[in-house]
Amino acid sequence: MDGGSPHFGSKATISICDGDTGEVEEIAVDQSYEGLNMPSANIGALYDAYAEGKGYADWEVALQRHELIEEFYAGGM
């Protein structure tokens, strides 16, 4: 494992399966940060997304996720 946490593990292949058709789509993993440890690569990707105006998680998204998790625990979903 490259990083200090399980979610910063080695590179992985991502496959998405359409439950209705059974079609599997392979997603290419961006390797542009080759040579950096995973936490550093994640920060680099965040800075790039911000500079390019692409979507990235911010405090508003974090709050939405927190509220969703609270709903799960409260049995609201």
PDB file of N, CA and C in Angstrom:
ATOM      1  N   MET A   1       0.846  -1.174   0.000  1.00  0.00           N
ATOM      2  CA  MET A   1       0.000   0.000   0.000  1.00  0.00           C
ATOM      3  C   MET A   1       0.889   1.234   0.000  1.00  0.00           C
ATOM      4  N   ASP A   2       0.552   2.217  -0.847  1.00  0.00           N
ATOM      5  CA  ASP A   2       1.367   3.414  -0.995  1.00  0.00           C
ATOM      6  C   ASP A   2       1.188   4.393   0.150  1.00  0.00           C
ATOM      7  N   GLY A   3      -0.008   4.530   0.672  1.00  0.00           N
ATOM      8  CA  GLY A   3      -0.299   5.563   1.657  1.00  0.00           C
ATOM      9  C   GLY A   3      -0.471   5.003   3.047  1.00  0.00           C
ATOM     10  N   GLY A   4      -0.831   5.894   3.971  1.00  0.00           N
ATOM     11  CA  GLY A   4      -0.990   5.496   5.354  1.00  0.00           C
ATOM     12  C   GLY A   4      -2.389   5.078   5.724  1.00  0.00           C
ATOM     13  N   SER A   5      -3.312   5.103   4.794  1.00  0.00           N
ATOM     14  CA  SER A   5      -4.695   4.753   5.055  1.00  0.00           C
ATOM     15  C   SER A   5      -5.186   3.777   3.999  1.00  0.00           C
ATOM     16  N   PRO A   6      -6.149   2.936   4.358  1.00  0.00           N
ATOM     17  CA  PRO A   6      -6.635   1.947   3.386  1.00  0.00           C
ATOM     18  C   PRO A   6      -7.195   2.575   2.112  1.00  0.00           C
ATOM     19  N   HIS A   7      -7.837   3.751   2.205  1.00  0.00           N
ATOM     20  CA  HIS A   7      -8.415   4.357   1.014  1.00  0.00           C
ATOM     21  C   HIS A   7      -7.371   5.046   0.151  1.00  0.00           C
ATOM     22  N   PHE A   8      -6.113   5.027   0.569  1.00  0.00           N
ATOM     23  CA  PHE A   8      -5.024   5.541  -0.247  1.00  0.00           C
ATOM     24  C   PHE A   8      -4.193   4.388  -0.794  1.00  0.00           C
ATOM     25  N   GLY A   9      -4.805   3.254  -1.006  1.00  0.00           N
ATOM     26  CA  GLY A   9      -4.092   2.063  -1.417  1.00  0.00           C
ATOM     27  C   GLY A   9      -3.565   2.124  -2.830  1.00  0.00           C
ATOM     28  N   SER A  10      -3.134   0.996  -3.310  1.00  0.00           N
ATOM     29  CA  SER A  10      -2.542   0.903  -4.638  1.00  0.00           C
ATOM     30  C   SER A  10      -3.559   1.237  -5.721  1.00  0.00           C
ATOM     31  N   LYS A  11      -3.046   1.479  -6.920  1.00  0.00           N
ATOM     32  CA  LYS A  11      -3.915   1.782  -8.055  1.00  0.00           C
ATOM     33  C   LYS A  11      -4.847   0.602  -8.319  1.00  0.00           C
ATOM     34  N   ALA A  12      -6.034   0.910  -8.789  1.00  0.00           N
ATOM     35  CA  ALA A  12      -7.026  -0.131  -9.032  1.00  0.00           C
ATOM     36  C   ALA A  12      -7.693   0.096 -10.378  1.00  0.00           C
ATOM     37  N   THR A  13      -8.233  -0.965 -10.924  1.00  0.00           N
ATOM     38  CA  THR A  13      -9.068  -0.861 -12.113  1.00  0.00           C
ATOM     39  C   THR A  13     -10.506  -0.706 -11.641  1.00  0.00           C
ATOM     40  N   ILE A  14     -11.215   0.213 -12.252  1.00  0.00           N
ATOM     41  CA  ILE A  14     -12.594   0.457 -11.856  1.00  0.00           C
ATOM     42  C   ILE A  14     -13.509  -0.065 -12.949  1.00  0.00           C
ATOM     43  N   SER A  15     -14.460  -0.908 -12.573  1.00  0.00           N
ATOM     44  CA  SER A  15     -15.442  -1.446 -13.512  1.00  0.00           C
ATOM     45  C   SER A  15     -16.826  -1.055 -13.033  1.00  0.00           C
ATOM     46  N   ILE A  16     -17.656  -0.591 -13.953  1.00  0.00           N
ATOM     47  CA  ILE A  16     -19.027  -0.223 -13.622  1.00  0.00           C
ATOM     48  C   ILE A  16     -19.950  -1.146 -14.404  1.00  0.00           C
ATOM     49  N   CYS A  17     -20.885  -1.778 -13.699  1.00  0.00           N
ATOM     50  CA  CYS A  17     -21.809  -2.716 -14.327  1.00  0.00           C
ATOM     51  C   CYS A  17     -23.211  -2.112 -14.345  1.00  0.00           C
ATOM     52  N   ASP A  18     -23.843  -2.090 -15.514  1.00  0.00           N
ATOM     53  CA  ASP A  18     -25.227  -1.659 -15.653  1.00  0.00           C
ATOM     54  C   ASP A  18     -26.105  -2.823 -15.209  1.00  0.00           C
ATOM     55  N   GLY A  19     -26.842  -2.620 -14.121  1.00  0.00           N
ATOM     56  CA  GLY A  19     -27.657  -3.687 -13.567  1.00  0.00           C
ATOM     57  C   GLY A  19     -28.754  -4.166 -14.495  1.00  0.00           C
ATOM     58  N   ASP A  20     -29.229  -3.307 -15.379  1.00  0.00           N
ATOM     59  CA  ASP A  20     -30.302  -3.691 -16.298  1.00  0.00           C
ATOM     60  C   ASP A  20     -29.791  -4.506 -17.479  1.00  0.00           C
ATOM     61  N   THR A  21     -28.671  -4.093 -18.043  1.00  0.00           N
ATOM     62  CA  THR A  21     -28.166  -4.768 -19.243  1.00  0.00           C
ATOM     63  C   THR A  21     -27.045  -5.759 -18.950  1.00  0.00           C
ATOM     64  N   GLY A  22     -26.413  -5.637 -17.797  1.00  0.00           N
ATOM     65  CA  GLY A  22     -25.275  -6.481 -17.478  1.00  0.00           C
ATOM     66  C   GLY A  22     -23.991  -6.038 -18.151  1.00  0.00           C
ATOM     67  N   GLU A  23     -24.046  -4.929 -18.895  1.00  0.00           N
ATOM     68  CA  GLU A  23     -22.866  -4.411 -19.591  1.00  0.00           C
ATOM     69  C   GLU A  23     -21.875  -3.843 -18.585  1.00  0.00           C
ATOM     70  N   VAL A  24     -20.603  -4.206 -18.735  1.00  0.00           N
ATOM     71  CA  VAL A  24     -19.550  -3.743 -17.841  1.00  0.00           C
ATOM     72  C   VAL A  24     -18.683  -2.740 -18.590  1.00  0.00           C
ATOM     73  N   GLU A  25     -18.461  -1.583 -17.958  1.00  0.00           N
ATOM     74  CA  GLU A  25     -17.615  -0.546 -18.538  1.00  0.00           C
ATOM     75  C   GLU A  25     -16.368  -0.383 -17.684  1.00  0.00           C
ATOM     76  N   GLU A  26     -15.209  -0.426 -18.322  1.00  0.00           N
ATOM     77  CA  GLU A  26     -13.938  -0.226 -17.634  1.00  0.00           C
ATOM     78  C   GLU A  26     -13.614   1.263 -17.629  1.00  0.00           C
ATOM     79  N   ILE A  27     -13.221   1.796 -16.491  1.00  0.00           N
ATOM     80  CA  ILE A  27     -12.879   3.198 -16.351  1.00  0.00           C
ATOM     81  C   ILE A  27     -11.361   3.323 -16.236  1.00  0.00           C
ATOM     82  N   ALA A  28     -10.771   4.148 -17.084  1.00  0.00           N
ATOM     83  CA  ALA A  28      -9.320   4.363 -17.057  1.00  0.00           C
ATOM     84  C   ALA A  28      -8.944   5.190 -15.825  1.00  0.00           C
ATOM     85  N   VAL A  29      -7.914   4.773 -15.136  1.00  0.00           N
ATOM     86  CA  VAL A  29      -7.422   5.486 -13.961  1.00  0.00           C
ATOM     87  C   VAL A  29      -6.338   6.451 -14.410  1.00  0.00           C
ATOM     88  N   ASP A  30      -6.485   7.720 -14.048  1.00  0.00           N
ATOM     89  CA  ASP A  30      -5.507   8.742 -14.423  1.00  0.00           C
ATOM     90  C   ASP A  30      -4.187   8.455 -13.713  1.00  0.00           C
ATOM     91  N   GLN A  31      -3.130   8.290 -14.472  1.00  0.00           N
ATOM     92  CA  GLN A  31      -1.817   7.964 -13.926  1.00  0.00           C
ATOM     93  C   GLN A  31      -0.863   9.147 -14.021  1.00  0.00           C
ATOM     94  N   SER A  32      -1.381  10.374 -14.131  1.00  0.00           N
ATOM     95  CA  SER A  32      -0.528  11.531 -14.363  1.00  0.00           C
ATOM     96  C   SER A  32       0.340  11.893 -13.157  1.00  0.00           C
ATOM     97  N   TYR A  33       0.079  11.311 -12.005  1.00  0.00           N
ATOM     98  CA  TYR A  33       0.864  11.620 -10.815  1.00  0.00           C
ATOM     99  C   TYR A  33       1.790  10.461 -10.453  1.00  0.00           C
ATOM    100  N   GLU A  34       2.190   9.706 -11.466  1.00  0.00           N
ATOM    101  CA  GLU A  34       3.072   8.555 -11.262  1.00  0.00           C
ATOM    102  C   GLU A  34       4.317   8.976 -10.487  1.00  0.00           C
ATOM    103  N   GLY A  35       4.679   8.197  -9.497  1.00  0.00           N
ATOM    104  CA  GLY A  35       5.869   8.478  -8.705  1.00  0.00           C
ATOM    105  C   GLY A  35       5.571   9.172  -7.388  1.00  0.00           C
ATOM    106  N   LEU A  36       4.390   9.759  -7.256  1.00  0.00           N
ATOM    107  CA  LEU A  36       4.018  10.386  -5.987  1.00  0.00           C
ATOM    108  C   LEU A  36       3.276   9.377  -5.126  1.00  0.00           C
ATOM    109  N   ASN A  37       3.365   9.545  -3.801  1.00  0.00           N
ATOM    110  CA  ASN A  37       2.548   8.687  -2.954  1.00  0.00           C
ATOM    111  C   ASN A  37       1.092   9.127  -3.105  1.00  0.00           C
ATOM    112  N   MET A  38       0.155   8.273  -2.751  1.00  0.00           N
ATOM    113  CA  MET A  38      -1.247   8.531  -3.039  1.00  0.00           C
ATOM    114  C   MET A  38      -1.799   9.796  -2.376  1.00  0.00           C
ATOM    115  N   PRO A  39      -1.503  10.093  -1.109  1.00  0.00           N
ATOM    116  CA  PRO A  39      -2.028  11.353  -0.558  1.00  0.00           C
ATOM    117  C   PRO A  39      -1.563  12.573  -1.347  1.00  0.00           C
ATOM    118  N   SER A  40      -0.310  12.594  -1.759  1.00  0.00           N
ATOM    119  CA  SER A  40       0.210  13.718  -2.544  1.00  0.00           C
ATOM    120  C   SER A  40      -0.459  13.794  -3.909  1.00  0.00           C
ATOM    121  N   ALA A  41      -0.670  12.649  -4.535  1.00  0.00           N
ATOM    122  CA  ALA A  41      -1.336  12.617  -5.832  1.00  0.00           C
ATOM    123  C   ALA A  41      -2.775  13.119  -5.704  1.00  0.00           C
ATOM    124  N   ASN A  42      -3.452  12.769  -4.622  1.00  0.00           N
ATOM    125  CA  ASN A  42      -4.830  13.237  -4.416  1.00  0.00           C
ATOM    126  C   ASN A  42      -4.876  14.756  -4.283  1.00  0.00           C
ATOM    127  N   ILE A  43      -3.956  15.335  -3.562  1.00  0.00           N
ATOM    128  CA  ILE A  43      -3.912  16.796  -3.407  1.00  0.00           C
ATOM    129  C   ILE A  43      -3.602  17.447  -4.753  1.00  0.00           C
ATOM    130  N   GLY A  44      -2.668  16.877  -5.517  1.00  0.00           N
ATOM    131  CA  GLY A  44      -2.357  17.409  -6.843  1.00  0.00           C
ATOM    132  C   GLY A  44      -3.576  17.387  -7.753  1.00  0.00           C
ATOM    133  N   ALA A  45      -4.345  16.306  -7.714  1.00  0.00           N
ATOM    134  CA  ALA A  45      -5.556  16.207  -8.529  1.00  0.00           C
ATOM    135  C   ALA A  45      -6.591  17.241  -8.095  1.00  0.00           C
ATOM    136  N   LEU A  46      -6.695  17.486  -6.797  1.00  0.00           N
ATOM    137  CA  LEU A  46      -7.618  18.499  -6.289  1.00  0.00           C
ATOM    138  C   LEU A  46      -7.235  19.881  -6.794  1.00  0.00           C
ATOM    139  N   TYR A  47      -5.964  20.230  -6.721  1.00  0.00           N
ATOM    140  CA  TYR A  47      -5.496  21.533  -7.210  1.00  0.00           C
ATOM    141  C   TYR A  47      -5.748  21.671  -8.713  1.00  0.00           C
ATOM    142  N   ASP A  48      -5.498  20.611  -9.472  1.00  0.00           N
ATOM    143  CA  ASP A  48      -5.747  20.652 -10.908  1.00  0.00           C
ATOM    144  C   ASP A  48      -7.226  20.873 -11.203  1.00  0.00           C
ATOM    145  N   ALA A  49      -8.102  20.146 -10.502  1.00  0.00           N
ATOM    146  CA  ALA A  49      -9.547  20.297 -10.705  1.00  0.00           C
ATOM    147  C   ALA A  49      -9.985  21.719 -10.392  1.00  0.00           C
ATOM    148  N   TYR A  50      -9.469  22.276  -9.315  1.00  0.00           N
ATOM    149  CA  TYR A  50      -9.808  23.646  -8.935  1.00  0.00           C
ATOM    150  C   TYR A  50      -9.351  24.638 -10.011  1.00  0.00           C
ATOM    151  N   ALA A  51      -8.124  24.475 -10.483  1.00  0.00           N
ATOM    152  CA  ALA A  51      -7.574  25.389 -11.491  1.00  0.00           C
ATOM    153  C   ALA A  51      -8.329  25.309 -12.812  1.00  0.00           C
ATOM    154  N   GLU A  52      -8.836  24.132 -13.144  1.00  0.00           N
ATOM    155  CA  GLU A  52      -9.537  23.932 -14.407  1.00  0.00           C
ATOM    156  C   GLU A  52     -11.042  24.164 -14.291  1.00  0.00           C
ATOM    157  N   GLY A  53     -11.514  24.512 -13.094  1.00  0.00           N
ATOM    158  CA  GLY A  53     -12.937  24.750 -12.896  1.00  0.00           C
ATOM    159  C   GLY A  53     -13.777  23.486 -12.912  1.00  0.00           C
ATOM    160  N   LYS A  54     -13.142  22.342 -12.728  1.00  0.00           N
ATOM    161  CA  LYS A  54     -13.853  21.064 -12.707  1.00  0.00           C
ATOM    162  C   LYS A  54     -14.462  20.847 -11.333  1.00  0.00           C
ATOM    163  N   GLY A  55     -15.369  19.894 -11.273  1.00  0.00           N
ATOM    164  CA  GLY A  55     -16.004  19.577 -10.004  1.00  0.00           C
ATOM    165  C   GLY A  55     -15.039  18.954  -9.017  1.00  0.00           C
ATOM    166  N   TYR A  56     -15.180  19.317  -7.786  1.00  0.00           N
ATOM    167  CA  TYR A  56     -14.396  18.748  -6.702  1.00  0.00           C
ATOM    168  C   TYR A  56     -15.203  18.919  -5.423  1.00  0.00           C
ATOM    169  N   ALA A  57     -14.916  18.101  -4.450  1.00  0.00           N
ATOM    170  CA  ALA A  57     -15.638  18.183  -3.180  1.00  0.00           C
ATOM    171  C   ALA A  57     -15.156  19.390  -2.393  1.00  0.00           C
ATOM    172  N   ASP A  58     -16.111  20.137  -1.862  1.00  0.00           N
ATOM    173  CA  ASP A  58     -15.784  21.280  -1.020  1.00  0.00           C
ATOM    174  C   ASP A  58     -16.574  21.148   0.285  1.00  0.00           C
ATOM    175  N   TRP A  59     -16.585  22.188   1.100  1.00  0.00           N
ATOM    176  CA  TRP A  59     -17.276  22.108   2.392  1.00  0.00           C
ATOM    177  C   TRP A  59     -18.773  21.898   2.215  1.00  0.00           C
ATOM    178  N   GLU A  60     -19.365  22.465   1.167  1.00  0.00           N
ATOM    179  CA  GLU A  60     -20.793  22.282   0.928  1.00  0.00           C
ATOM    180  C   GLU A  60     -21.113  20.813   0.638  1.00  0.00           C
ATOM    181  N   VAL A  61     -20.285  20.194  -0.188  1.00  0.00           N
ATOM    182  CA  VAL A  61     -20.464  18.774  -0.491  1.00  0.00           C
ATOM    183  C   VAL A  61     -20.255  17.941   0.769  1.00  0.00           C
ATOM    184  N   ALA A  62     -19.259  18.296   1.565  1.00  0.00           N
ATOM    185  CA  ALA A  62     -19.006  17.568   2.806  1.00  0.00           C
ATOM    186  C   ALA A  62     -20.221  17.657   3.732  1.00  0.00           C
ATOM    187  N   LEU A  63     -20.830  18.832   3.815  1.00  0.00           N
ATOM    188  CA  LEU A  63     -22.017  18.999   4.656  1.00  0.00           C
ATOM    189  C   LEU A  63     -23.166  18.141   4.143  1.00  0.00           C
ATOM    190  N   GLN A  64     -23.356  18.104   2.825  1.00  0.00           N
ATOM    191  CA  GLN A  64     -24.411  17.262   2.251  1.00  0.00           C
ATOM    192  C   GLN A  64     -24.177  15.795   2.591  1.00  0.00           C
ATOM    193  N   ARG A  65     -22.935  15.344   2.484  1.00  0.00           N
ATOM    194  CA  ARG A  65     -22.624  13.945   2.820  1.00  0.00           C
ATOM    195  C   ARG A  65     -22.881  13.673   4.302  1.00  0.00           C
ATOM    196  N   HIS A  66     -22.495  14.611   5.135  1.00  0.00           N
ATOM    197  CA  HIS A  66     -22.711  14.464   6.577  1.00  0.00           C
ATOM    198  C   HIS A  66     -24.206  14.349   6.881  1.00  0.00           C
ATOM    199  N   GLU A  67     -25.012  15.206   6.254  1.00  0.00           N
ATOM    200  CA  GLU A  67     -26.454  15.157   6.479  1.00  0.00           C
ATOM    201  C   GLU A  67     -27.048  13.844   5.981  1.00  0.00           C
ATOM    202  N   LEU A  68     -26.555  13.344   4.847  1.00  0.00           N
ATOM    203  CA  LEU A  68     -27.025  12.065   4.323  1.00  0.00           C
ATOM    204  C   LEU A  68     -26.710  10.921   5.293  1.00  0.00           C
ATOM    205  N   ILE A  69     -25.502  10.914   5.817  1.00  0.00           N
ATOM    206  CA  ILE A  69     -25.120   9.880   6.784  1.00  0.00           C
ATOM    207  C   ILE A  69     -25.984   9.970   8.037  1.00  0.00           C
ATOM    208  N   GLU A  70     -26.270  11.180   8.491  1.00  0.00           N
ATOM    209  CA  GLU A  70     -27.150  11.362   9.655  1.00  0.00           C
ATOM    210  C   GLU A  70     -28.535  10.781   9.374  1.00  0.00           C
ATOM    211  N   GLU A  71     -29.042  10.984   8.148  1.00  0.00           N
ATOM    212  CA  GLU A  71     -30.345  10.413   7.774  1.00  0.00           C
ATOM    213  C   GLU A  71     -30.311   8.902   7.813  1.00  0.00           C
ATOM    214  N   PHE A  72     -29.209   8.315   7.337  1.00  0.00           N
ATOM    215  CA  PHE A  72     -29.075   6.865   7.381  1.00  0.00           C
ATOM    216  C   PHE A  72     -29.181   6.357   8.819  1.00  0.00           C
ATOM    217  N   TYR A  73     -28.435   6.987   9.707  1.00  0.00           N
ATOM    218  CA  TYR A  73     -28.445   6.561  11.106  1.00  0.00           C
ATOM    219  C   TYR A  73     -29.799   6.795  11.758  1.00  0.00           C
ATOM    220  N   ALA A  74     -30.517   7.826  11.322  1.00  0.00           N
ATOM    221  CA  ALA A  74     -31.823   8.125  11.897  1.00  0.00           C
ATOM    222  C   ALA A  74     -32.921   7.247  11.283  1.00  0.00           C
ATOM    223  N   GLY A  75     -32.596   6.492  10.257  1.00  0.00           N
ATOM    224  CA  GLY A  75     -33.577   5.626   9.615  1.00  0.00           C
ATOM    225  C   GLY A  75     -34.502   6.374   8.679  1.00  0.00           C
ATOM    226  N   GLY A  76     -34.076   7.547   8.217  1.00  0.00           N
ATOM    227  CA  GLY A  76     -34.914   8.366   7.357  1.00  0.00           C
ATOM    228  C   GLY A  76     -34.875   7.993   5.902  1.00  0.00           C
ATOM    229  N   MET A  77     -34.110   6.998   5.527  1.00  0.00           N
ATOM    230  CA  MET A  77     -34.030   6.635   4.100  1.00  0.00           C
ATOM    231  C   MET A  77     -34.460   5.203   3.921  1.00  0.00           C
TER     232      MET A  77
END
